[in-house]
Amino acid sequence: VGPSGCGKSTTLRMIAGLEEISDGT
């Protein structure tokens, strides 16, 4: 949870594989 633009959906999409992960696992 957080305001718009905080990165929450981006994080979810990285878990899903819909966004490429720049670093980390």
PDBML (XML) file of the C-alpha atoms, coordinates in Angstrom:
<?xml version="1.0" encoding="UTF-8" ?>
<PDBx:datablock datablockName="MODEL"
   xmlns:PDBx="http://pdbml.pdb.org/schema/pdbx-v50.xsd"
   xmlns:xsi="http://www.w3.org/2001/XMLSchema-instance"
   xsi:schemaLocation="http://pdbml.pdb.org/schema/pdbx-v50.xsd pdbx-v50.xsd">
   <PDBx:atom_siteCategory>
      <PDBx:atom_site id="1">
         <PDBx:B_iso_or_equiv>0.00</PDBx:B_iso_or_equiv>
         <PDBx:Cartn_x>0.000</PDBx:Cartn_x>
         <PDBx:Cartn_y>0.000</PDBx:Cartn_y>
         <PDBx:Cartn_z>0.000</PDBx:Cartn_z>
         <PDBx:auth_asym_id>A</PDBx:auth_asym_id>
         <PDBx:auth_atom_id>CA</PDBx:auth_atom_id>
         <PDBx:auth_comp_id>VAL</PDBx:auth_comp_id>
         <PDBx:auth_seq_id>1</PDBx:auth_seq_id>
         <PDBx:group_PDB>ATOM</PDBx:group_PDB>
         <PDBx:label_alt_id xsi:nil="true" />
         <PDBx:label_asym_id>A</PDBx:label_asym_id>
         <PDBx:label_atom_id>CA</PDBx:label_atom_id>
         <PDBx:label_comp_id>VAL</PDBx:label_comp_id>
         <PDBx:label_entity_id>1</PDBx:label_entity_id>
         <PDBx:label_seq_id>1</PDBx:label_seq_id>
         <PDBx:occupancy>1.00</PDBx:occupancy>
         <PDBx:pdbx_PDB_model_num>1</PDBx:pdbx_PDB_model_num>
         <PDBx:type_symbol>C</PDBx:type_symbol>
      </PDBx:atom_site>
      <PDBx:atom_site id="2">
         <PDBx:B_iso_or_equiv>0.00</PDBx:B_iso_or_equiv>
         <PDBx:Cartn_x>1.080</PDBx:Cartn_x>
         <PDBx:Cartn_y>3.562</PDBx:Cartn_y>
         <PDBx:Cartn_z>-0.660</PDBx:Cartn_z>
         <PDBx:auth_asym_id>A</PDBx:auth_asym_id>
         <PDBx:auth_atom_id>CA</PDBx:auth_atom_id>
         <PDBx:auth_comp_id>GLY</PDBx:auth_comp_id>
         <PDBx:auth_seq_id>2</PDBx:auth_seq_id>
         <PDBx:group_PDB>ATOM</PDBx:group_PDB>
         <PDBx:label_alt_id xsi:nil="true" />
         <PDBx:label_asym_id>A</PDBx:label_asym_id>
         <PDBx:label_atom_id>CA</PDBx:label_atom_id>
         <PDBx:label_comp_id>GLY</PDBx:label_comp_id>
         <PDBx:label_entity_id>1</PDBx:label_entity_id>
         <PDBx:label_seq_id>2</PDBx:label_seq_id>
         <PDBx:occupancy>1.00</PDBx:occupancy>
         <PDBx:pdbx_PDB_model_num>1</PDBx:pdbx_PDB_model_num>
         <PDBx:type_symbol>C</PDBx:type_symbol>
      </PDBx:atom_site>
      <PDBx:atom_site id="3">
         <PDBx:B_iso_or_equiv>0.00</PDBx:B_iso_or_equiv>
         <PDBx:Cartn_x>0.309</PDBx:Cartn_x>
         <PDBx:Cartn_y>6.646</PDBx:Cartn_y>
         <PDBx:Cartn_z>-2.733</PDBx:Cartn_z>
         <PDBx:auth_asym_id>A</PDBx:auth_asym_id>
         <PDBx:auth_atom_id>CA</PDBx:auth_atom_id>
         <PDBx:auth_comp_id>PRO</PDBx:auth_comp_id>
         <PDBx:auth_seq_id>3</PDBx:auth_seq_id>
         <PDBx:group_PDB>ATOM</PDBx:group_PDB>
         <PDBx:label_alt_id xsi:nil="true" />
         <PDBx:label_asym_id>A</PDBx:label_asym_id>
         <PDBx:label_atom_id>CA</PDBx:label_atom_id>
         <PDBx:label_comp_id>PRO</PDBx:label_comp_id>
         <PDBx:label_entity_id>1</PDBx:label_entity_id>
         <PDBx:label_seq_id>3</PDBx:label_seq_id>
         <PDBx:occupancy>1.00</PDBx:occupancy>
         <PDBx:pdbx_PDB_model_num>1</PDBx:pdbx_PDB_model_num>
         <PDBx:type_symbol>C</PDBx:type_symbol>
      </PDBx:atom_site>
      <PDBx:atom_site id="4">
         <PDBx:B_iso_or_equiv>0.00</PDBx:B_iso_or_equiv>
         <PDBx:Cartn_x>0.379</PDBx:Cartn_x>
         <PDBx:Cartn_y>6.671</PDBx:Cartn_y>
         <PDBx:Cartn_z>-6.534</PDBx:Cartn_z>
         <PDBx:auth_asym_id>A</PDBx:auth_asym_id>
         <PDBx:auth_atom_id>CA</PDBx:auth_atom_id>
         <PDBx:auth_comp_id>SER</PDBx:auth_comp_id>
         <PDBx:auth_seq_id>4</PDBx:auth_seq_id>
         <PDBx:group_PDB>ATOM</PDBx:group_PDB>
         <PDBx:label_alt_id xsi:nil="true" />
         <PDBx:label_asym_id>A</PDBx:label_asym_id>
         <PDBx:label_atom_id>CA</PDBx:label_atom_id>
         <PDBx:label_comp_id>SER</PDBx:label_comp_id>
         <PDBx:label_entity_id>1</PDBx:label_entity_id>
         <PDBx:label_seq_id>4</PDBx:label_seq_id>
         <PDBx:occupancy>1.00</PDBx:occupancy>
         <PDBx:pdbx_PDB_model_num>1</PDBx:pdbx_PDB_model_num>
         <PDBx:type_symbol>C</PDBx:type_symbol>
      </PDBx:atom_site>
      <PDBx:atom_site id="5">
         <PDBx:B_iso_or_equiv>0.00</PDBx:B_iso_or_equiv>
         <PDBx:Cartn_x>3.900</PDBx:Cartn_x>
         <PDBx:Cartn_y>6.311</PDBx:Cartn_y>
         <PDBx:Cartn_z>-7.908</PDBx:Cartn_z>
         <PDBx:auth_asym_id>A</PDBx:auth_asym_id>
         <PDBx:auth_atom_id>CA</PDBx:auth_atom_id>
         <PDBx:auth_comp_id>GLY</PDBx:auth_comp_id>
         <PDBx:auth_seq_id>5</PDBx:auth_seq_id>
         <PDBx:group_PDB>ATOM</PDBx:group_PDB>
         <PDBx:label_alt_id xsi:nil="true" />
         <PDBx:label_asym_id>A</PDBx:label_asym_id>
         <PDBx:label_atom_id>CA</PDBx:label_atom_id>
         <PDBx:label_comp_id>GLY</PDBx:label_comp_id>
         <PDBx:label_entity_id>1</PDBx:label_entity_id>
         <PDBx:label_seq_id>5</PDBx:label_seq_id>
         <PDBx:occupancy>1.00</PDBx:occupancy>
         <PDBx:pdbx_PDB_model_num>1</PDBx:pdbx_PDB_model_num>
         <PDBx:type_symbol>C</PDBx:type_symbol>
      </PDBx:atom_site>
      <PDBx:atom_site id="6">
         <PDBx:B_iso_or_equiv>0.00</PDBx:B_iso_or_equiv>
         <PDBx:Cartn_x>5.358</PDBx:Cartn_x>
         <PDBx:Cartn_y>4.643</PDBx:Cartn_y>
         <PDBx:Cartn_z>-4.800</PDBx:Cartn_z>
         <PDBx:auth_asym_id>A</PDBx:auth_asym_id>
         <PDBx:auth_atom_id>CA</PDBx:auth_atom_id>
         <PDBx:auth_comp_id>CYS</PDBx:auth_comp_id>
         <PDBx:auth_seq_id>6</PDBx:auth_seq_id>
         <PDBx:group_PDB>ATOM</PDBx:group_PDB>
         <PDBx:label_alt_id xsi:nil="true" />
         <PDBx:label_asym_id>A</PDBx:label_asym_id>
         <PDBx:label_atom_id>CA</PDBx:label_atom_id>
         <PDBx:label_comp_id>CYS</PDBx:label_comp_id>
         <PDBx:label_entity_id>1</PDBx:label_entity_id>
         <PDBx:label_seq_id>6</PDBx:label_seq_id>
         <PDBx:occupancy>1.00</PDBx:occupancy>
         <PDBx:pdbx_PDB_model_num>1</PDBx:pdbx_PDB_model_num>
         <PDBx:type_symbol>C</PDBx:type_symbol>
      </PDBx:atom_site>
      <PDBx:atom_site id="7">
         <PDBx:B_iso_or_equiv>0.00</PDBx:B_iso_or_equiv>
         <PDBx:Cartn_x>6.441</PDBx:Cartn_x>
         <PDBx:Cartn_y>1.503</PDBx:Cartn_y>
         <PDBx:Cartn_z>-6.688</PDBx:Cartn_z>
         <PDBx:auth_asym_id>A</PDBx:auth_asym_id>
         <PDBx:auth_atom_id>CA</PDBx:auth_atom_id>
         <PDBx:auth_comp_id>GLY</PDBx:auth_comp_id>
         <PDBx:auth_seq_id>7</PDBx:auth_seq_id>
         <PDBx:group_PDB>ATOM</PDBx:group_PDB>
         <PDBx:label_alt_id xsi:nil="true" />
         <PDBx:label_asym_id>A</PDBx:label_asym_id>
         <PDBx:label_atom_id>CA</PDBx:label_atom_id>
         <PDBx:label_comp_id>GLY</PDBx:label_comp_id>
         <PDBx:label_entity_id>1</PDBx:label_entity_id>
         <PDBx:label_seq_id>7</PDBx:label_seq_id>
         <PDBx:occupancy>1.00</PDBx:occupancy>
         <PDBx:pdbx_PDB_model_num>1</PDBx:pdbx_PDB_model_num>
         <PDBx:type_symbol>C</PDBx:type_symbol>
      </PDBx:atom_site>
      <PDBx:atom_site id="8">
         <PDBx:B_iso_or_equiv>0.00</PDBx:B_iso_or_equiv>
         <PDBx:Cartn_x>3.901</PDBx:Cartn_x>
         <PDBx:Cartn_y>-0.998</PDBx:Cartn_y>
         <PDBx:Cartn_z>-5.342</PDBx:Cartn_z>
         <PDBx:auth_asym_id>A</PDBx:auth_asym_id>
         <PDBx:auth_atom_id>CA</PDBx:auth_atom_id>
         <PDBx:auth_comp_id>LYS</PDBx:auth_comp_id>
         <PDBx:auth_seq_id>8</PDBx:auth_seq_id>
         <PDBx:group_PDB>ATOM</PDBx:group_PDB>
         <PDBx:label_alt_id xsi:nil="true" />
         <PDBx:label_asym_id>A</PDBx:label_asym_id>
         <PDBx:label_atom_id>CA</PDBx:label_atom_id>
         <PDBx:label_comp_id>LYS</PDBx:label_comp_id>
         <PDBx:label_entity_id>1</PDBx:label_entity_id>
         <PDBx:label_seq_id>8</PDBx:label_seq_id>
         <PDBx:occupancy>1.00</PDBx:occupancy>
         <PDBx:pdbx_PDB_model_num>1</PDBx:pdbx_PDB_model_num>
         <PDBx:type_symbol>C</PDBx:type_symbol>
      </PDBx:atom_site>
      <PDBx:atom_site id="9">
         <PDBx:B_iso_or_equiv>0.00</PDBx:B_iso_or_equiv>
         <PDBx:Cartn_x>2.486</PDBx:Cartn_x>
         <PDBx:Cartn_y>-2.135</PDBx:Cartn_y>
         <PDBx:Cartn_z>-8.717</PDBx:Cartn_z>
         <PDBx:auth_asym_id>A</PDBx:auth_asym_id>
         <PDBx:auth_atom_id>CA</PDBx:auth_atom_id>
         <PDBx:auth_comp_id>SER</PDBx:auth_comp_id>
         <PDBx:auth_seq_id>9</PDBx:auth_seq_id>
         <PDBx:group_PDB>ATOM</PDBx:group_PDB>
         <PDBx:label_alt_id xsi:nil="true" />
         <PDBx:label_asym_id>A</PDBx:label_asym_id>
         <PDBx:label_atom_id>CA</PDBx:label_atom_id>
         <PDBx:label_comp_id>SER</PDBx:label_comp_id>
         <PDBx:label_entity_id>1</PDBx:label_entity_id>
         <PDBx:label_seq_id>9</PDBx:label_seq_id>
         <PDBx:occupancy>1.00</PDBx:occupancy>
         <PDBx:pdbx_PDB_model_num>1</PDBx:pdbx_PDB_model_num>
         <PDBx:type_symbol>C</PDBx:type_symbol>
      </PDBx:atom_site>
      <PDBx:atom_site id="10">
         <PDBx:B_iso_or_equiv>0.00</PDBx:B_iso_or_equiv>
         <PDBx:Cartn_x>5.980</PDBx:Cartn_x>
         <PDBx:Cartn_y>-2.207</PDBx:Cartn_y>
         <PDBx:Cartn_z>-10.233</PDBx:Cartn_z>
         <PDBx:auth_asym_id>A</PDBx:auth_asym_id>
         <PDBx:auth_atom_id>CA</PDBx:auth_atom_id>
         <PDBx:auth_comp_id>THR</PDBx:auth_comp_id>
         <PDBx:auth_seq_id>10</PDBx:auth_seq_id>
         <PDBx:group_PDB>ATOM</PDBx:group_PDB>
         <PDBx:label_alt_id xsi:nil="true" />
         <PDBx:label_asym_id>A</PDBx:label_asym_id>
         <PDBx:label_atom_id>CA</PDBx:label_atom_id>
         <PDBx:label_comp_id>THR</PDBx:label_comp_id>
         <PDBx:label_entity_id>1</PDBx:label_entity_id>
         <PDBx:label_seq_id>10</PDBx:label_seq_id>
         <PDBx:occupancy>1.00</PDBx:occupancy>
         <PDBx:pdbx_PDB_model_num>1</PDBx:pdbx_PDB_model_num>
         <PDBx:type_symbol>C</PDBx:type_symbol>
      </PDBx:atom_site>
      <PDBx:atom_site id="11">
         <PDBx:B_iso_or_equiv>0.00</PDBx:B_iso_or_equiv>
         <PDBx:Cartn_x>7.096</PDBx:Cartn_x>
         <PDBx:Cartn_y>-4.552</PDBx:Cartn_y>
         <PDBx:Cartn_z>-7.450</PDBx:Cartn_z>
         <PDBx:auth_asym_id>A</PDBx:auth_asym_id>
         <PDBx:auth_atom_id>CA</PDBx:auth_atom_id>
         <PDBx:auth_comp_id>THR</PDBx:auth_comp_id>
         <PDBx:auth_seq_id>11</PDBx:auth_seq_id>
         <PDBx:group_PDB>ATOM</PDBx:group_PDB>
         <PDBx:label_alt_id xsi:nil="true" />
         <PDBx:label_asym_id>A</PDBx:label_asym_id>
         <PDBx:label_atom_id>CA</PDBx:label_atom_id>
         <PDBx:label_comp_id>THR</PDBx:label_comp_id>
         <PDBx:label_entity_id>1</PDBx:label_entity_id>
         <PDBx:label_seq_id>11</PDBx:label_seq_id>
         <PDBx:occupancy>1.00</PDBx:occupancy>
         <PDBx:pdbx_PDB_model_num>1</PDBx:pdbx_PDB_model_num>
         <PDBx:type_symbol>C</PDBx:type_symbol>
      </PDBx:atom_site>
      <PDBx:atom_site id="12">
         <PDBx:B_iso_or_equiv>0.00</PDBx:B_iso_or_equiv>
         <PDBx:Cartn_x>4.084</PDBx:Cartn_x>
         <PDBx:Cartn_y>-6.807</PDBx:Cartn_y>
         <PDBx:Cartn_z>-8.007</PDBx:Cartn_z>
         <PDBx:auth_asym_id>A</PDBx:auth_asym_id>
         <PDBx:auth_atom_id>CA</PDBx:auth_atom_id>
         <PDBx:auth_comp_id>LEU</PDBx:auth_comp_id>
         <PDBx:auth_seq_id>12</PDBx:auth_seq_id>
         <PDBx:group_PDB>ATOM</PDBx:group_PDB>
         <PDBx:label_alt_id xsi:nil="true" />
         <PDBx:label_asym_id>A</PDBx:label_asym_id>
         <PDBx:label_atom_id>CA</PDBx:label_atom_id>
         <PDBx:label_comp_id>LEU</PDBx:label_comp_id>
         <PDBx:label_entity_id>1</PDBx:label_entity_id>
         <PDBx:label_seq_id>12</PDBx:label_seq_id>
         <PDBx:occupancy>1.00</PDBx:occupancy>
         <PDBx:pdbx_PDB_model_num>1</PDBx:pdbx_PDB_model_num>
         <PDBx:type_symbol>C</PDBx:type_symbol>
      </PDBx:atom_site>
      <PDBx:atom_site id="13">
         <PDBx:B_iso_or_equiv>0.00</PDBx:B_iso_or_equiv>
         <PDBx:Cartn_x>4.775</PDBx:Cartn_x>
         <PDBx:Cartn_y>-6.888</PDBx:Cartn_y>
         <PDBx:Cartn_z>-11.751</PDBx:Cartn_z>
         <PDBx:auth_asym_id>A</PDBx:auth_asym_id>
         <PDBx:auth_atom_id>CA</PDBx:auth_atom_id>
         <PDBx:auth_comp_id>ARG</PDBx:auth_comp_id>
         <PDBx:auth_seq_id>13</PDBx:auth_seq_id>
         <PDBx:group_PDB>ATOM</PDBx:group_PDB>
         <PDBx:label_alt_id xsi:nil="true" />
         <PDBx:label_asym_id>A</PDBx:label_asym_id>
         <PDBx:label_atom_id>CA</PDBx:label_atom_id>
         <PDBx:label_comp_id>ARG</PDBx:label_comp_id>
         <PDBx:label_entity_id>1</PDBx:label_entity_id>
         <PDBx:label_seq_id>13</PDBx:label_seq_id>
         <PDBx:occupancy>1.00</PDBx:occupancy>
         <PDBx:pdbx_PDB_model_num>1</PDBx:pdbx_PDB_model_num>
         <PDBx:type_symbol>C</PDBx:type_symbol>
      </PDBx:atom_site>
      <PDBx:atom_site id="14">
         <PDBx:B_iso_or_equiv>0.00</PDBx:B_iso_or_equiv>
         <PDBx:Cartn_x>8.391</PDBx:Cartn_x>
         <PDBx:Cartn_y>-7.901</PDBx:Cartn_y>
         <PDBx:Cartn_z>-11.084</PDBx:Cartn_z>
         <PDBx:auth_asym_id>A</PDBx:auth_asym_id>
         <PDBx:auth_atom_id>CA</PDBx:auth_atom_id>
         <PDBx:auth_comp_id>MET</PDBx:auth_comp_id>
         <PDBx:auth_seq_id>14</PDBx:auth_seq_id>
         <PDBx:group_PDB>ATOM</PDBx:group_PDB>
         <PDBx:label_alt_id xsi:nil="true" />
         <PDBx:label_asym_id>A</PDBx:label_asym_id>
         <PDBx:label_atom_id>CA</PDBx:label_atom_id>
         <PDBx:label_comp_id>MET</PDBx:label_comp_id>
         <PDBx:label_entity_id>1</PDBx:label_entity_id>
         <PDBx:label_seq_id>14</PDBx:label_seq_id>
         <PDBx:occupancy>1.00</PDBx:occupancy>
         <PDBx:pdbx_PDB_model_num>1</PDBx:pdbx_PDB_model_num>
         <PDBx:type_symbol>C</PDBx:type_symbol>
      </PDBx:atom_site>
      <PDBx:atom_site id="15">
         <PDBx:B_iso_or_equiv>0.00</PDBx:B_iso_or_equiv>
         <PDBx:Cartn_x>7.112</PDBx:Cartn_x>
         <PDBx:Cartn_y>-10.843</PDBx:Cartn_y>
         <PDBx:Cartn_z>-9.012</PDBx:Cartn_z>
         <PDBx:auth_asym_id>A</PDBx:auth_asym_id>
         <PDBx:auth_atom_id>CA</PDBx:auth_atom_id>
         <PDBx:auth_comp_id>ILE</PDBx:auth_comp_id>
         <PDBx:auth_seq_id>15</PDBx:auth_seq_id>
         <PDBx:group_PDB>ATOM</PDBx:group_PDB>
         <PDBx:label_alt_id xsi:nil="true" />
         <PDBx:label_asym_id>A</PDBx:label_asym_id>
         <PDBx:label_atom_id>CA</PDBx:label_atom_id>
         <PDBx:label_comp_id>ILE</PDBx:label_comp_id>
         <PDBx:label_entity_id>1</PDBx:label_entity_id>
         <PDBx:label_seq_id>15</PDBx:label_seq_id>
         <PDBx:occupancy>1.00</PDBx:occupancy>
         <PDBx:pdbx_PDB_model_num>1</PDBx:pdbx_PDB_model_num>
         <PDBx:type_symbol>C</PDBx:type_symbol>
      </PDBx:atom_site>
      <PDBx:atom_site id="16">
         <PDBx:B_iso_or_equiv>0.00</PDBx:B_iso_or_equiv>
         <PDBx:Cartn_x>4.796</PDBx:Cartn_x>
         <PDBx:Cartn_y>-11.750</PDBx:Cartn_y>
         <PDBx:Cartn_z>-11.891</PDBx:Cartn_z>
         <PDBx:auth_asym_id>A</PDBx:auth_asym_id>
         <PDBx:auth_atom_id>CA</PDBx:auth_atom_id>
         <PDBx:auth_comp_id>ALA</PDBx:auth_comp_id>
         <PDBx:auth_seq_id>16</PDBx:auth_seq_id>
         <PDBx:group_PDB>ATOM</PDBx:group_PDB>
         <PDBx:label_alt_id xsi:nil="true" />
         <PDBx:label_asym_id>A</PDBx:label_asym_id>
         <PDBx:label_atom_id>CA</PDBx:label_atom_id>
         <PDBx:label_comp_id>ALA</PDBx:label_comp_id>
         <PDBx:label_entity_id>1</PDBx:label_entity_id>
         <PDBx:label_seq_id>16</PDBx:label_seq_id>
         <PDBx:occupancy>1.00</PDBx:occupancy>
         <PDBx:pdbx_PDB_model_num>1</PDBx:pdbx_PDB_model_num>
         <PDBx:type_symbol>C</PDBx:type_symbol>
      </PDBx:atom_site>
      <PDBx:atom_site id="17">
         <PDBx:B_iso_or_equiv>0.00</PDBx:B_iso_or_equiv>
         <PDBx:Cartn_x>7.524</PDBx:Cartn_x>
         <PDBx:Cartn_y>-11.414</PDBx:Cartn_y>
         <PDBx:Cartn_z>-14.535</PDBx:Cartn_z>
         <PDBx:auth_asym_id>A</PDBx:auth_asym_id>
         <PDBx:auth_atom_id>CA</PDBx:auth_atom_id>
         <PDBx:auth_comp_id>GLY</PDBx:auth_comp_id>
         <PDBx:auth_seq_id>17</PDBx:auth_seq_id>
         <PDBx:group_PDB>ATOM</PDBx:group_PDB>
         <PDBx:label_alt_id xsi:nil="true" />
         <PDBx:label_asym_id>A</PDBx:label_asym_id>
         <PDBx:label_atom_id>CA</PDBx:label_atom_id>
         <PDBx:label_comp_id>GLY</PDBx:label_comp_id>
         <PDBx:label_entity_id>1</PDBx:label_entity_id>
         <PDBx:label_seq_id>17</PDBx:label_seq_id>
         <PDBx:occupancy>1.00</PDBx:occupancy>
         <PDBx:pdbx_PDB_model_num>1</PDBx:pdbx_PDB_model_num>
         <PDBx:type_symbol>C</PDBx:type_symbol>
      </PDBx:atom_site>
      <PDBx:atom_site id="18">
         <PDBx:B_iso_or_equiv>0.00</PDBx:B_iso_or_equiv>
         <PDBx:Cartn_x>5.735</PDBx:Cartn_x>
         <PDBx:Cartn_y>-8.588</PDBx:Cartn_y>
         <PDBx:Cartn_z>-16.344</PDBx:Cartn_z>
         <PDBx:auth_asym_id>A</PDBx:auth_asym_id>
         <PDBx:auth_atom_id>CA</PDBx:auth_atom_id>
         <PDBx:auth_comp_id>LEU</PDBx:auth_comp_id>
         <PDBx:auth_seq_id>18</PDBx:auth_seq_id>
         <PDBx:group_PDB>ATOM</PDBx:group_PDB>
         <PDBx:label_alt_id xsi:nil="true" />
         <PDBx:label_asym_id>A</PDBx:label_asym_id>
         <PDBx:label_atom_id>CA</PDBx:label_atom_id>
         <PDBx:label_comp_id>LEU</PDBx:label_comp_id>
         <PDBx:label_entity_id>1</PDBx:label_entity_id>
         <PDBx:label_seq_id>18</PDBx:label_seq_id>
         <PDBx:occupancy>1.00</PDBx:occupancy>
         <PDBx:pdbx_PDB_model_num>1</PDBx:pdbx_PDB_model_num>
         <PDBx:type_symbol>C</PDBx:type_symbol>
      </PDBx:atom_site>
      <PDBx:atom_site id="19">
         <PDBx:B_iso_or_equiv>0.00</PDBx:B_iso_or_equiv>
         <PDBx:Cartn_x>8.553</PDBx:Cartn_x>
         <PDBx:Cartn_y>-6.154</PDBx:Cartn_y>
         <PDBx:Cartn_z>-15.453</PDBx:Cartn_z>
         <PDBx:auth_asym_id>A</PDBx:auth_asym_id>
         <PDBx:auth_atom_id>CA</PDBx:auth_atom_id>
         <PDBx:auth_comp_id>GLU</PDBx:auth_comp_id>
         <PDBx:auth_seq_id>19</PDBx:auth_seq_id>
         <PDBx:group_PDB>ATOM</PDBx:group_PDB>
         <PDBx:label_alt_id xsi:nil="true" />
         <PDBx:label_asym_id>A</PDBx:label_asym_id>
         <PDBx:label_atom_id>CA</PDBx:label_atom_id>
         <PDBx:label_comp_id>GLU</PDBx:label_comp_id>
         <PDBx:label_entity_id>1</PDBx:label_entity_id>
         <PDBx:label_seq_id>19</PDBx:label_seq_id>
         <PDBx:occupancy>1.00</PDBx:occupancy>
         <PDBx:pdbx_PDB_model_num>1</PDBx:pdbx_PDB_model_num>
         <PDBx:type_symbol>C</PDBx:type_symbol>
      </PDBx:atom_site>
      <PDBx:atom_site id="20">
         <PDBx:B_iso_or_equiv>0.00</PDBx:B_iso_or_equiv>
         <PDBx:Cartn_x>12.236</PDBx:Cartn_x>
         <PDBx:Cartn_y>-6.947</PDBx:Cartn_y>
         <PDBx:Cartn_z>-15.847</PDBx:Cartn_z>
         <PDBx:auth_asym_id>A</PDBx:auth_asym_id>
         <PDBx:auth_atom_id>CA</PDBx:auth_atom_id>
         <PDBx:auth_comp_id>GLU</PDBx:auth_comp_id>
         <PDBx:auth_seq_id>20</PDBx:auth_seq_id>
         <PDBx:group_PDB>ATOM</PDBx:group_PDB>
         <PDBx:label_alt_id xsi:nil="true" />
         <PDBx:label_asym_id>A</PDBx:label_asym_id>
         <PDBx:label_atom_id>CA</PDBx:label_atom_id>
         <PDBx:label_comp_id>GLU</PDBx:label_comp_id>
         <PDBx:label_entity_id>1</PDBx:label_entity_id>
         <PDBx:label_seq_id>20</PDBx:label_seq_id>
         <PDBx:occupancy>1.00</PDBx:occupancy>
         <PDBx:pdbx_PDB_model_num>1</PDBx:pdbx_PDB_model_num>
         <PDBx:type_symbol>C</PDBx:type_symbol>
      </PDBx:atom_site>
      <PDBx:atom_site id="21">
         <PDBx:B_iso_or_equiv>0.00</PDBx:B_iso_or_equiv>
         <PDBx:Cartn_x>14.213</PDBx:Cartn_x>
         <PDBx:Cartn_y>-6.884</PDBx:Cartn_y>
         <PDBx:Cartn_z>-12.586</PDBx:Cartn_z>
         <PDBx:auth_asym_id>A</PDBx:auth_asym_id>
         <PDBx:auth_atom_id>CA</PDBx:auth_atom_id>
         <PDBx:auth_comp_id>ILE</PDBx:auth_comp_id>
         <PDBx:auth_seq_id>21</PDBx:auth_seq_id>
         <PDBx:group_PDB>ATOM</PDBx:group_PDB>
         <PDBx:label_alt_id xsi:nil="true" />
         <PDBx:label_asym_id>A</PDBx:label_asym_id>
         <PDBx:label_atom_id>CA</PDBx:label_atom_id>
         <PDBx:label_comp_id>ILE</PDBx:label_comp_id>
         <PDBx:label_entity_id>1</PDBx:label_entity_id>
         <PDBx:label_seq_id>21</PDBx:label_seq_id>
         <PDBx:occupancy>1.00</PDBx:occupancy>
         <PDBx:pdbx_PDB_model_num>1</PDBx:pdbx_PDB_model_num>
         <PDBx:type_symbol>C</PDBx:type_symbol>
      </PDBx:atom_site>
      <PDBx:atom_site id="22">
         <PDBx:B_iso_or_equiv>0.00</PDBx:B_iso_or_equiv>
         <PDBx:Cartn_x>17.147</PDBx:Cartn_x>
         <PDBx:Cartn_y>-4.447</PDBx:Cartn_y>
         <PDBx:Cartn_z>-12.745</PDBx:Cartn_z>
         <PDBx:auth_asym_id>A</PDBx:auth_asym_id>
         <PDBx:auth_atom_id>CA</PDBx:auth_atom_id>
         <PDBx:auth_comp_id>SER</PDBx:auth_comp_id>
         <PDBx:auth_seq_id>22</PDBx:auth_seq_id>
         <PDBx:group_PDB>ATOM</PDBx:group_PDB>
         <PDBx:label_alt_id xsi:nil="true" />
         <PDBx:label_asym_id>A</PDBx:label_asym_id>
         <PDBx:label_atom_id>CA</PDBx:label_atom_id>
         <PDBx:label_comp_id>SER</PDBx:label_comp_id>
         <PDBx:label_entity_id>1</PDBx:label_entity_id>
         <PDBx:label_seq_id>22</PDBx:label_seq_id>
         <PDBx:occupancy>1.00</PDBx:occupancy>
         <PDBx:pdbx_PDB_model_num>1</PDBx:pdbx_PDB_model_num>
         <PDBx:type_symbol>C</PDBx:type_symbol>
      </PDBx:atom_site>
      <PDBx:atom_site id="23">
         <PDBx:B_iso_or_equiv>0.00</PDBx:B_iso_or_equiv>
         <PDBx:Cartn_x>18.934</PDBx:Cartn_x>
         <PDBx:Cartn_y>-5.954</PDBx:Cartn_y>
         <PDBx:Cartn_z>-9.742</PDBx:Cartn_z>
         <PDBx:auth_asym_id>A</PDBx:auth_asym_id>
         <PDBx:auth_atom_id>CA</PDBx:auth_atom_id>
         <PDBx:auth_comp_id>ASP</PDBx:auth_comp_id>
         <PDBx:auth_seq_id>23</PDBx:auth_seq_id>
         <PDBx:group_PDB>ATOM</PDBx:group_PDB>
         <PDBx:label_alt_id xsi:nil="true" />
         <PDBx:label_asym_id>A</PDBx:label_asym_id>
         <PDBx:label_atom_id>CA</PDBx:label_atom_id>
         <PDBx:label_comp_id>ASP</PDBx:label_comp_id>
         <PDBx:label_entity_id>1</PDBx:label_entity_id>
         <PDBx:label_seq_id>23</PDBx:label_seq_id>
         <PDBx:occupancy>1.00</PDBx:occupancy>
         <PDBx:pdbx_PDB_model_num>1</PDBx:pdbx_PDB_model_num>
         <PDBx:type_symbol>C</PDBx:type_symbol>
      </PDBx:atom_site>
      <PDBx:atom_site id="24">
         <PDBx:B_iso_or_equiv>0.00</PDBx:B_iso_or_equiv>
         <PDBx:Cartn_x>18.336</PDBx:Cartn_x>
         <PDBx:Cartn_y>-8.456</PDBx:Cartn_y>
         <PDBx:Cartn_z>-6.947</PDBx:Cartn_z>
         <PDBx:auth_asym_id>A</PDBx:auth_asym_id>
         <PDBx:auth_atom_id>CA</PDBx:auth_atom_id>
         <PDBx:auth_comp_id>GLY</PDBx:auth_comp_id>
         <PDBx:auth_seq_id>24</PDBx:auth_seq_id>
         <PDBx:group_PDB>ATOM</PDBx:group_PDB>
         <PDBx:label_alt_id xsi:nil="true" />
         <PDBx:label_asym_id>A</PDBx:label_asym_id>
         <PDBx:label_atom_id>CA</PDBx:label_atom_id>
         <PDBx:label_comp_id>GLY</PDBx:label_comp_id>
         <PDBx:label_entity_id>1</PDBx:label_entity_id>
         <PDBx:label_seq_id>24</PDBx:label_seq_id>
         <PDBx:occupancy>1.00</PDBx:occupancy>
         <PDBx:pdbx_PDB_model_num>1</PDBx:pdbx_PDB_model_num>
         <PDBx:type_symbol>C</PDBx:type_symbol>
      </PDBx:atom_site>
      <PDBx:atom_site id="25">
         <PDBx:B_iso_or_equiv>0.00</PDBx:B_iso_or_equiv>
         <PDBx:Cartn_x>16.433</PDBx:Cartn_x>
         <PDBx:Cartn_y>-11.744</PDBx:Cartn_y>
         <PDBx:Cartn_z>-6.944</PDBx:Cartn_z>
         <PDBx:auth_asym_id>A</PDBx:auth_asym_id>
         <PDBx:auth_atom_id>CA</PDBx:auth_atom_id>
         <PDBx:auth_comp_id>THR</PDBx:auth_comp_id>
         <PDBx:auth_seq_id>25</PDBx:auth_seq_id>
         <PDBx:group_PDB>ATOM</PDBx:group_PDB>
         <PDBx:label_alt_id xsi:nil="true" />
         <PDBx:label_asym_id>A</PDBx:label_asym_id>
         <PDBx:label_atom_id>CA</PDBx:label_atom_id>
         <PDBx:label_comp_id>THR</PDBx:label_comp_id>
         <PDBx:label_entity_id>1</PDBx:label_entity_id>
         <PDBx:label_seq_id>25</PDBx:label_seq_id>
         <PDBx:occupancy>1.00</PDBx:occupancy>
         <PDBx:pdbx_PDB_model_num>1</PDBx:pdbx_PDB_model_num>
         <PDBx:type_symbol>C</PDBx:type_symbol>
      </PDBx:atom_site>
   </PDBx:atom_siteCategory>
</PDBx:datablock>
